[in-house]
C-alpha atoms as a PDB file:
ATOM      1  CA  MET A   1      33.912  64.477  13.634  1.00  0.00           C
ATOM      2  CA  PHE A   2      30.220  64.032  12.562  1.00  0.00           C
ATOM      3  CA  THR A   3      28.095  66.433  11.229  1.00  0.00           C
ATOM      4  CA  ASP A   4      24.295  65.704  11.649  1.00  0.00           C
ATOM      5  CA  THR A   5      22.613  67.313   8.485  1.00  0.00           C
ATOM      6  CA  HIS A   6      19.175  66.824   9.987  1.00  0.00           C
ATOM      7  CA  SER A   7      18.335  67.471  13.471  1.00  0.00           C
ATOM      8  CA  HIS A   8      15.213  68.927  15.463  1.00  0.00           C
ATOM      9  CA  ILE A   9      16.931  69.393  19.211  1.00  0.00           C
ATOM     10  CA  HIS A  10      15.081  72.625  19.086  1.00  0.00           C
ATOM     11  CA  PHE A  11      11.669  70.529  19.886  1.00  0.00           C
ATOM     12  CA  ALA A  12      12.001  71.573  23.441  1.00  0.00           C
ATOM     13  CA  LYS A  13       8.801  69.268  24.352  1.00  0.00           C
ATOM     14  CA  GLU A  14      10.936  66.327  23.172  1.00  0.00           C
ATOM     15  CA  PHE A  15      14.189  67.555  24.284  1.00  0.00           C
ATOM     16  CA  PRO A  16      14.104  69.028  27.951  1.00  0.00           C
ATOM     17  CA  ASP A  17      17.239  67.688  28.808  1.00  0.00           C
ATOM     18  CA  ILE A  18      19.074  69.532  26.186  1.00  0.00           C
ATOM     19  CA  ASP A  19      22.301  70.113  28.238  1.00  0.00           C
ATOM     20  CA  GLY A  20      22.706  66.085  28.855  1.00  0.00           C
ATOM     21  CA  ILE A  21      21.833  65.818  24.798  1.00  0.00           C
ATOM     22  CA  LEU A  22      24.506  68.253  23.613  1.00  0.00           C
ATOM     23  CA  ALA A  23      26.885  66.538  26.210  1.00  0.00           C
ATOM     24  CA  ARG A  24      26.618  63.313  24.764  1.00  0.00           C
ATOM     25  CA  ALA A  25      26.637  64.221  21.088  1.00  0.00           C
ATOM     26  CA  GLU A  26      30.036  66.131  21.488  1.00  0.00           C
ATOM     27  CA  ALA A  27      31.457  62.938  23.540  1.00  0.00           C
ATOM     28  CA  ALA A  28      30.312  60.832  20.147  1.00  0.00           C
ATOM     29  CA  GLY A  29      31.850  63.102  18.084  1.00  0.00           C
ATOM     30  CA  VAL A  30      29.047  64.797  16.540  1.00  0.00           C
ATOM     31  CA  SER A  31      30.275  68.349  16.690  1.00  0.00           C
ATOM     32  CA  ARG A  32      27.960  69.587  14.019  1.00  0.00           C
ATOM     33  CA  GLN A  33      24.251  70.162  13.755  1.00  0.00           C
ATOM     34  CA  ILE A  34      21.903  71.500  11.298  1.00  0.00           C
ATOM     35  CA  ILE A  35      18.958  72.493  12.892  1.00  0.00           C
ATOM     36  CA  VAL A  36      15.887  72.087  10.594  1.00  0.00           C
ATOM     37  CA  GLY A  37      12.555  73.960  10.656  1.00  0.00           C
ATOM     38  CA  CYS A  38       9.474  72.723   9.773  1.00  0.00           C
ATOM     39  CA  THR A  39       6.643  75.206   9.856  1.00  0.00           C
ATOM     40  CA  PRO A  40       7.326  79.254   9.966  1.00  0.00           C
ATOM     41  CA  LYS A  41       7.252  79.307  13.606  1.00  0.00           C
ATOM     42  CA  ASP A  42       9.197  76.192  14.065  1.00  0.00           C
ATOM     43  CA  SER A  43      11.796  77.668  11.727  1.00  0.00           C
ATOM     44  CA  PHE A  44      12.071  80.708  13.662  1.00  0.00           C
ATOM     45  CA  GLN A  45      12.305  78.606  16.893  1.00  0.00           C
ATOM     46  CA  ALA A  46      15.288  77.062  15.461  1.00  0.00           C
ATOM     47  CA  LEU A  47      17.200  80.205  14.241  1.00  0.00           C
ATOM     48  CA  ASP A  48      16.595  81.307  18.118  1.00  0.00           C
ATOM     49  CA  PHE A  49      17.903  77.757  19.281  1.00  0.00           C
ATOM     50  CA  VAL A  50      21.279  78.138  17.082  1.00  0.00           C
ATOM     51  CA  LYS A  51      21.696  81.674  18.102  1.00  0.00           C
ATOM     52  CA  LYS A  52      21.186  80.710  21.766  1.00  0.00           C
ATOM     53  CA  TYR A  53      23.938  78.108  21.591  1.00  0.00           C
ATOM     54  CA  SER A  54      26.151  80.351  19.417  1.00  0.00           C
ATOM     55  CA  SER A  55      29.334  78.790  20.711  1.00  0.00           C
ATOM     56  CA  HIS A  56      28.477  75.024  19.030  1.00  0.00           C
ATOM     57  CA  ASN A  57      28.639  74.851  15.435  1.00  0.00           C
ATOM     58  CA  PHE A  58      25.297  74.339  14.726  1.00  0.00           C
ATOM     59  CA  TRP A  59      23.457  76.291  11.666  1.00  0.00           C
ATOM     60  CA  SER A  60      19.637  76.652  10.841  1.00  0.00           C
ATOM     61  CA  THR A  61      17.045  76.250   7.831  1.00  0.00           C
ATOM     62  CA  LEU A  62      13.891  77.565   6.886  1.00  0.00           C
ATOM     63  CA  GLY A  63      10.973  75.498   5.718  1.00  0.00           C
ATOM     64  CA  VAL A  64       7.346  74.269   5.763  1.00  0.00           C
ATOM     65  CA  HIS A  65       7.010  70.887   5.567  1.00  0.00           C
ATOM     66  CA  PRO A  66       4.043  69.383   3.293  1.00  0.00           C
ATOM     67  CA  HIS A  67       2.367  68.627   6.480  1.00  0.00           C
ATOM     68  CA  SER A  68       1.849  72.277   7.255  1.00  0.00           C
ATOM     69  CA  SER A  69       2.102  73.919   3.490  1.00  0.00           C
ATOM     70  CA  ASN A  70      -1.465  75.483   3.944  1.00  0.00           C
ATOM     71  CA  GLN A  71       0.794  77.935   6.058  1.00  0.00           C
ATOM     72  CA  TRP A  72       3.196  78.692   2.775  1.00  0.00           C
ATOM     73  CA  ASN A  73       2.032  82.203   1.739  1.00  0.00           C
ATOM     74  CA  GLU A  74       3.740  85.661   0.539  1.00  0.00           C
ATOM     75  CA  ASP A  75       4.323  87.011   3.941  1.00  0.00           C
ATOM     76  CA  ILE A  76       6.397  84.027   4.737  1.00  0.00           C
ATOM     77  CA  GLU A  77       8.037  83.977   1.896  1.00  0.00           C
ATOM     78  CA  GLN A  78       9.188  87.854   2.528  1.00  0.00           C
ATOM     79  CA  LYS A  79      10.097  86.780   5.759  1.00  0.00           C
ATOM     80  CA  PHE A  80      12.115  84.141   4.919  1.00  0.00           C
ATOM     81  CA  GLU A  81      13.751  86.044   2.294  1.00  0.00           C
ATOM     82  CA  GLU A  82      14.902  88.657   4.605  1.00  0.00           C
ATOM     83  CA  LEU A  83      15.880  86.310   7.361  1.00  0.00           C
ATOM     84  CA  VAL A  84      18.445  84.907   4.661  1.00  0.00           C
ATOM     85  CA  LYS A  85      19.873  87.923   4.007  1.00  0.00           C
ATOM     86  CA  SER A  86      20.292  89.024   7.433  1.00  0.00           C
ATOM     87  CA  GLU A  87      21.221  85.744   9.539  1.00  0.00           C
ATOM     88  CA  LYS A  88      24.426  84.157   8.117  1.00  0.00           C
ATOM     89  CA  LYS A  89      23.698  80.855   9.881  1.00  0.00           C
ATOM     90  CA  ILE A  90      20.547  79.980   7.822  1.00  0.00           C
ATOM     91  CA  VAL A  91      22.079  77.495   5.092  1.00  0.00           C
ATOM     92  CA  ALA A  92      19.117  75.941   3.672  1.00  0.00           C
ATOM     93  CA  LEU A  93      15.349  76.038   3.157  1.00  0.00           C
ATOM     94  CA  GLY A  94      13.750  72.864   4.198  1.00  0.00           C
ATOM     95  CA  GLU A  95      12.374  70.390   4.986  1.00  0.00           C
ATOM     96  CA  ILE A  96      10.040  71.122   2.227  1.00  0.00           C
ATOM     97  CA  GLY A  97       8.499  68.420  -0.421  1.00  0.00           C
ATOM     98  CA  LEU A  98       5.650  66.322  -0.529  1.00  0.00           C
ATOM     99  CA  ASP A  99       4.105  63.731   1.549  1.00  0.00           C
ATOM    100  CA  TYR A 100       1.246  61.702  -0.166  1.00  0.00           C
ATOM    101  CA  PHE A 101       1.485  59.038   2.831  1.00  0.00           C
ATOM    102  CA  ARG A 102      -0.458  60.914   5.475  1.00  0.00           C
ATOM    103  CA  ASN A 103      -1.647  63.394   2.907  1.00  0.00           C
ATOM    104  CA  LEU A 104      -2.133  66.069   5.787  1.00  0.00           C
ATOM    105  CA  GLN A 105      -2.709  68.885   3.230  1.00  0.00           C
ATOM    106  CA  PRO A 106      -4.358  68.714  -0.255  1.00  0.00           C
ATOM    107  CA  LYS A 107      -1.893  67.380  -2.985  1.00  0.00           C
ATOM    108  CA  ASP A 108      -2.138  70.769  -4.892  1.00  0.00           C
ATOM    109  CA  ILE A 109      -1.288  72.942  -1.831  1.00  0.00           C
ATOM    110  CA  GLN A 110       1.486  70.824  -1.226  1.00  0.00           C
ATOM    111  CA  VAL A 111       2.796  71.322  -4.752  1.00  0.00           C
ATOM    112  CA  ALA A 112       2.272  74.897  -4.660  1.00  0.00           C
ATOM    113  CA  ALA A 113       4.463  75.239  -1.464  1.00  0.00           C
ATOM    114  CA  PHE A 114       7.257  73.049  -2.763  1.00  0.00           C
ATOM    115  CA  ARG A 115       7.322  75.318  -5.797  1.00  0.00           C
ATOM    116  CA  GLY A 116       7.248  78.634  -4.011  1.00  0.00           C
ATOM    117  CA  GLN A 117       9.994  77.368  -1.698  1.00  0.00           C
ATOM    118  CA  LEU A 118      12.101  75.475  -4.470  1.00  0.00           C
ATOM    119  CA  GLN A 119      11.719  78.863  -6.506  1.00  0.00           C
ATOM    120  CA  LEU A 120      12.844  80.797  -3.400  1.00  0.00           C
ATOM    121  CA  ALA A 121      16.070  78.559  -2.483  1.00  0.00           C
ATOM    122  CA  LYS A 122      17.243  79.247  -6.394  1.00  0.00           C
ATOM    123  CA  LYS A 123      16.713  82.847  -5.904  1.00  0.00           C
ATOM    124  CA  LEU A 124      18.689  82.690  -2.578  1.00  0.00           C
ATOM    125  CA  ASP A 125      21.387  80.294  -3.969  1.00  0.00           C
ATOM    126  CA  LEU A 126      20.368  77.779  -0.793  1.00  0.00           C
ATOM    127  CA  ALA A 127      20.332  74.288  -0.875  1.00  0.00           C
ATOM    128  CA  ALA A 128      17.130  72.814  -0.433  1.00  0.00           C
ATOM    129  CA  VAL A 129      15.994  69.909   2.075  1.00  0.00           C
ATOM    130  CA  VAL A 130      13.549  67.779   0.498  1.00  0.00           C
ATOM    131  CA  HIS A 131      10.942  65.394   2.268  1.00  0.00           C
ATOM    132  CA  VAL A 132       9.614  62.704   0.048  1.00  0.00           C
ATOM    133  CA  ARG A 133       7.613  60.059   1.030  1.00  0.00           C
ATOM    134  CA  ASP A 134       4.843  58.044  -1.504  1.00  0.00           C
ATOM    135  CA  ALA A 135       5.208  61.084  -3.763  1.00  0.00           C
ATOM    136  CA  TRP A 136       8.589  60.335  -5.646  1.00  0.00           C
ATOM    137  CA  ASP A 137       6.909  60.818  -9.068  1.00  0.00           C
ATOM    138  CA  ASP A 138       5.566  64.189  -8.610  1.00  0.00           C
ATOM    139  CA  ALA A 139       8.494  65.234  -6.303  1.00  0.00           C
ATOM    140  CA  LEU A 140      10.917  64.701  -8.934  1.00  0.00           C
ATOM    141  CA  GLN A 141       9.194  66.164 -11.727  1.00  0.00           C
ATOM    142  CA  VAL A 142       8.738  69.503  -9.556  1.00  0.00           C
ATOM    143  CA  LEU A 143      12.109  69.358  -8.681  1.00  0.00           C
ATOM    144  CA  LEU A 144      13.209  68.916 -12.657  1.00  0.00           C
ATOM    145  CA  GLU A 145      10.595  71.872 -13.475  1.00  0.00           C
ATOM    146  CA  GLU A 146      11.965  73.895 -11.054  1.00  0.00           C
ATOM    147  CA  GLY A 147      15.539  73.255 -11.868  1.00  0.00           C
ATOM    148  CA  ASN A 148      17.169  73.441  -8.662  1.00  0.00           C
ATOM    149  CA  THR A 149      20.681  71.719  -8.550  1.00  0.00           C
ATOM    150  CA  ARG A 150      21.780  72.453  -4.826  1.00  0.00           C
ATOM    151  CA  VAL A 151      19.180  69.600  -3.576  1.00  0.00           C
ATOM    152  CA  ILE A 152      19.580  66.836  -0.366  1.00  0.00           C
ATOM    153  CA  LEU A 153      16.943  63.940  -0.561  1.00  0.00           C
ATOM    154  CA  HIS A 154      16.412  64.018   3.337  1.00  0.00           C
ATOM    155  CA  CYS A 155      16.352  60.683   4.945  1.00  0.00           C
ATOM    156  CA  PHE A 156      15.842  59.032   1.537  1.00  0.00           C
ATOM    157  CA  THR A 157      13.838  55.965   1.167  1.00  0.00           C
ATOM    158  CA  GLY A 158      13.078  55.912  -2.493  1.00  0.00           C
ATOM    159  CA  ASN A 159      14.357  53.053  -4.730  1.00  0.00           C
ATOM    160  CA  SER A 160      17.456  52.362  -6.944  1.00  0.00           C
ATOM    161  CA  THR A 161      15.691  54.479 -10.123  1.00  0.00           C
ATOM    162  CA  HIS A 162      14.817  57.137  -7.690  1.00  0.00           C
ATOM    163  CA  ALA A 163      18.311  57.069  -6.438  1.00  0.00           C
ATOM    164  CA  LYS A 164      19.875  57.036 -10.182  1.00  0.00           C
ATOM    165  CA  THR A 165      17.691  59.920 -10.921  1.00  0.00           C
ATOM    166  CA  CYS A 166      18.750  61.813  -8.117  1.00  0.00           C
ATOM    167  CA  LEU A 167      22.377  61.123  -8.733  1.00  0.00           C
ATOM    168  CA  ASP A 168      21.997  62.111 -12.158  1.00  0.00           C
ATOM    169  CA  ARG A 169      20.691  65.160 -11.338  1.00  0.00           C
ATOM    170  CA  GLY A 170      23.765  66.082  -8.894  1.00  0.00           C
ATOM    171  CA  TYR A 171      21.406  65.658  -5.967  1.00  0.00           C
ATOM    172  CA  PHE A 172      22.832  64.750  -2.335  1.00  0.00           C
ATOM    173  CA  ILE A 173      21.266  61.528  -0.496  1.00  0.00           C
ATOM    174  CA  SER A 174      20.992  61.730   3.061  1.00  0.00           C
ATOM    175  CA  PHE A 175      20.860  58.499   5.106  1.00  0.00           C
ATOM    176  CA  SER A 176      18.969  58.179   8.446  1.00  0.00           C
ATOM    177  CA  GLY A 177      18.473  55.418  11.224  1.00  0.00           C
ATOM    178  CA  VAL A 178      16.092  53.857   8.851  1.00  0.00           C
ATOM    179  CA  VAL A 179      19.217  52.370   6.632  1.00  0.00           C
ATOM    180  CA  THR A 180      20.291  50.249   9.894  1.00  0.00           C
ATOM    181  CA  TYR A 181      17.013  48.126   9.997  1.00  0.00           C
ATOM    182  CA  PRO A 182      17.466  44.794   9.075  1.00  0.00           C
ATOM    183  CA  LYS A 183      14.279  44.826   6.787  1.00  0.00           C
ATOM    184  CA  ASN A 184      15.924  47.585   4.432  1.00  0.00           C
ATOM    185  CA  GLU A 185      18.730  45.636   2.750  1.00  0.00           C
ATOM    186  CA  TYR A 186      17.353  47.506  -0.605  1.00  0.00           C
ATOM    187  CA  LEU A 187      18.283  50.827   1.144  1.00  0.00           C
ATOM    188  CA  ARG A 188      22.075  49.773   2.138  1.00  0.00           C
ATOM    189  CA  ASP A 189      22.204  48.371  -1.718  1.00  0.00           C
ATOM    190  CA  ILE A 190      21.704  51.935  -2.556  1.00  0.00           C
ATOM    191  CA  ALA A 191      24.038  53.346   0.024  1.00  0.00           C
ATOM    192  CA  ILE A 192      26.779  51.365  -1.399  1.00  0.00           C
ATOM    193  CA  ALA A 193      26.182  52.520  -4.625  1.00  0.00           C
ATOM    194  CA  VAL A 194      26.147  56.570  -3.853  1.00  0.00           C
ATOM    195  CA  PRO A 195      29.435  58.221  -4.698  1.00  0.00           C
ATOM    196  CA  GLU A 196      31.311  59.256  -1.974  1.00  0.00           C
ATOM    197  CA  ASP A 197      31.210  62.991  -2.353  1.00  0.00           C
ATOM    198  CA  LYS A 198      27.072  62.677  -2.628  1.00  0.00           C
ATOM    199  CA  PHE A 199      26.265  61.257   0.309  1.00  0.00           C
ATOM    200  CA  LEU A 200      25.165  62.583   3.771  1.00  0.00           C
ATOM    201  CA  ILE A 201      24.248  61.222   7.657  1.00  0.00           C
ATOM    202  CA  GLU A 202      21.732  62.367   9.634  1.00  0.00           C
ATOM    203  CA  THR A 203      18.992  61.516  12.624  1.00  0.00           C
ATOM    204  CA  ASP A 204      15.950  63.241  12.032  1.00  0.00           C
ATOM    205  CA  CYS A 205      15.966  63.288  15.824  1.00  0.00           C
ATOM    206  CA  PRO A 206      14.231  62.860  17.694  1.00  0.00           C
ATOM    207  CA  TYR A 207      12.497  60.314  15.307  1.00  0.00           C
ATOM    208  CA  LEU A 208      14.200  57.293  13.095  1.00  0.00           C
ATOM    209  CA  THR A 209      16.119  55.905  15.734  1.00  0.00           C
ATOM    210  CA  PRO A 210      18.963  53.575  14.714  1.00  0.00           C
ATOM    211  CA  GLN A 211      18.723  49.745  15.315  1.00  0.00           C
ATOM    212  CA  THR A 212      21.021  49.925  18.162  1.00  0.00           C
ATOM    213  CA  TYR A 213      18.637  52.161  20.131  1.00  0.00           C
ATOM    214  CA  ARG A 214      15.536  51.529  18.376  1.00  0.00           C
ATOM    215  CA  GLY A 215      12.283  52.012  20.582  1.00  0.00           C
ATOM    216  CA  GLN A 216      14.258  55.353  22.642  1.00  0.00           C
ATOM    217  CA  ARG A 217      14.178  58.368  21.549  1.00  0.00           C
ATOM    218  CA  ASN A 218      16.626  59.487  18.853  1.00  0.00           C
ATOM    219  CA  GLU A 219      19.181  62.165  19.636  1.00  0.00           C
ATOM    220  CA  PRO A 220      22.203  63.367  17.588  1.00  0.00           C
ATOM    221  CA  ALA A 221      25.003  61.226  19.294  1.00  0.00           C
ATOM    222  CA  TYR A 222      23.118  58.423  17.688  1.00  0.00           C
ATOM    223  CA  VAL A 223      24.123  59.524  14.231  1.00  0.00           C
ATOM    224  CA  VAL A 224      27.269  57.414  14.500  1.00  0.00           C
ATOM    225  CA  GLU A 225      25.312  54.393  14.740  1.00  0.00           C
ATOM    226  CA  THR A 226      23.987  55.131  11.160  1.00  0.00           C
ATOM    227  CA  ALA A 227      27.778  55.870  10.374  1.00  0.00           C
ATOM    228  CA  LYS A 228      29.093  52.781  11.292  1.00  0.00           C
ATOM    229  CA  VAL A 229      26.810  50.500   8.952  1.00  0.00           C
ATOM    230  CA  LEU A 230      27.499  52.767   6.323  1.00  0.00           C
ATOM    231  CA  ALA A 231      31.204  52.433   6.868  1.00  0.00           C
ATOM    232  CA  LYS A 232      30.662  48.556   7.038  1.00  0.00           C
ATOM    233  CA  ILE A 233      29.019  48.491   3.476  1.00  0.00           C
ATOM    234  CA  ARG A 234      30.959  50.755   1.914  1.00  0.00           C
ATOM    235  CA  GLY A 235      34.153  49.158   3.093  1.00  0.00           C
ATOM    236  CA  VAL A 236      35.834  52.312   4.786  1.00  0.00           C
ATOM    237  CA  THR A 237      36.968  52.900   8.398  1.00  0.00           C
ATOM    238  CA  LEU A 238      34.424  54.878  10.384  1.00  0.00           C
ATOM    239  CA  PRO A 239      36.745  57.805  10.904  1.00  0.00           C
ATOM    240  CA  ASP A 240      37.179  58.038   6.888  1.00  0.00           C
ATOM    241  CA  LEU A 241      33.385  57.800   6.654  1.00  0.00           C
ATOM    242  CA  ALA A 242      33.097  60.972   9.217  1.00  0.00           C
ATOM    243  CA  LYS A 243      35.479  62.911   7.440  1.00  0.00           C
ATOM    244  CA  GLN A 244      33.616  62.098   3.923  1.00  0.00           C
ATOM    245  CA  SER A 245      30.293  62.908   5.027  1.00  0.00           C
ATOM    246  CA  THR A 246      31.389  65.957   6.811  1.00  0.00           C
ATOM    247  CA  ARG A 247      33.297  67.247   3.754  1.00  0.00           C
ATOM    248  CA  ASN A 248      30.056  66.619   1.844  1.00  0.00           C
ATOM    249  CA  ALA A 249      27.975  68.740   4.340  1.00  0.00           C
ATOM    250  CA  GLN A 250      30.399  71.440   3.986  1.00  0.00           C
ATOM    251  CA  THR A 251      29.837  71.540   0.186  1.00  0.00           C
ATOM    252  CA  ILE A 252      26.200  71.629   0.144  1.00  0.00           C
ATOM    253  CA  PHE A 253      25.590  73.698   3.135  1.00  0.00           C
ATOM    254  CA  ARG A 254      28.492  76.008   2.220  1.00  0.00           C
ATOM    255  CA  ILE A 255      29.721  75.781   6.078  1.00  0.00           C
ATOM    256  CA  SER A 256      33.162  76.303   7.043  1.00  0.00           C
END
């Protein structure tokens, strides 16, 4: 049983064939998904999606991505807090963080939104799903200052020093299809070193399709391809890796 810990299948434009996607996921053994929000509107849609497909093992998050960090304000913070208190299927704040690669918002706006959401996650005792791109020093400093302990480094692409810092603090490291790309040997080396109780697997679909299907739209069923690579380099069986990664997801998201 696999858990895709970072899915955007609620993106209706990218996934018009949702019934087929869900059927393929189930056939591949991907029976659990965390549906991740990126803006206030998108977060509400993720929750609506989870409610619509209530017969599935889906949970959702609320978050304002750094690309949209100018949308974070007190009203949204209050709405997020109210939803968390009333909706049991919300299991994290995310994705939140810093992105200095695209830099679609000023750095001070990104940092303010990141801090505000980390503080809310801590207040509500929720995991924080963190996006970092070309902003590792600032992101790790903000995380240190805010003191969150339930942290997931989504789609980890940092270096070994960043990984060690994260692991020393007790954070979880999540691997996407990026770990399957031939050029990313350094990332596979990091994946080998992550303790068995601190790694997660994800698709980030429709993005970051694993090497086997590269060039196609990513979907939850393909998380198995990432799992295959991780199982091989870590020297474990695929079923064992599936069980451990799902166990880790249950721990950090507090899902049954």
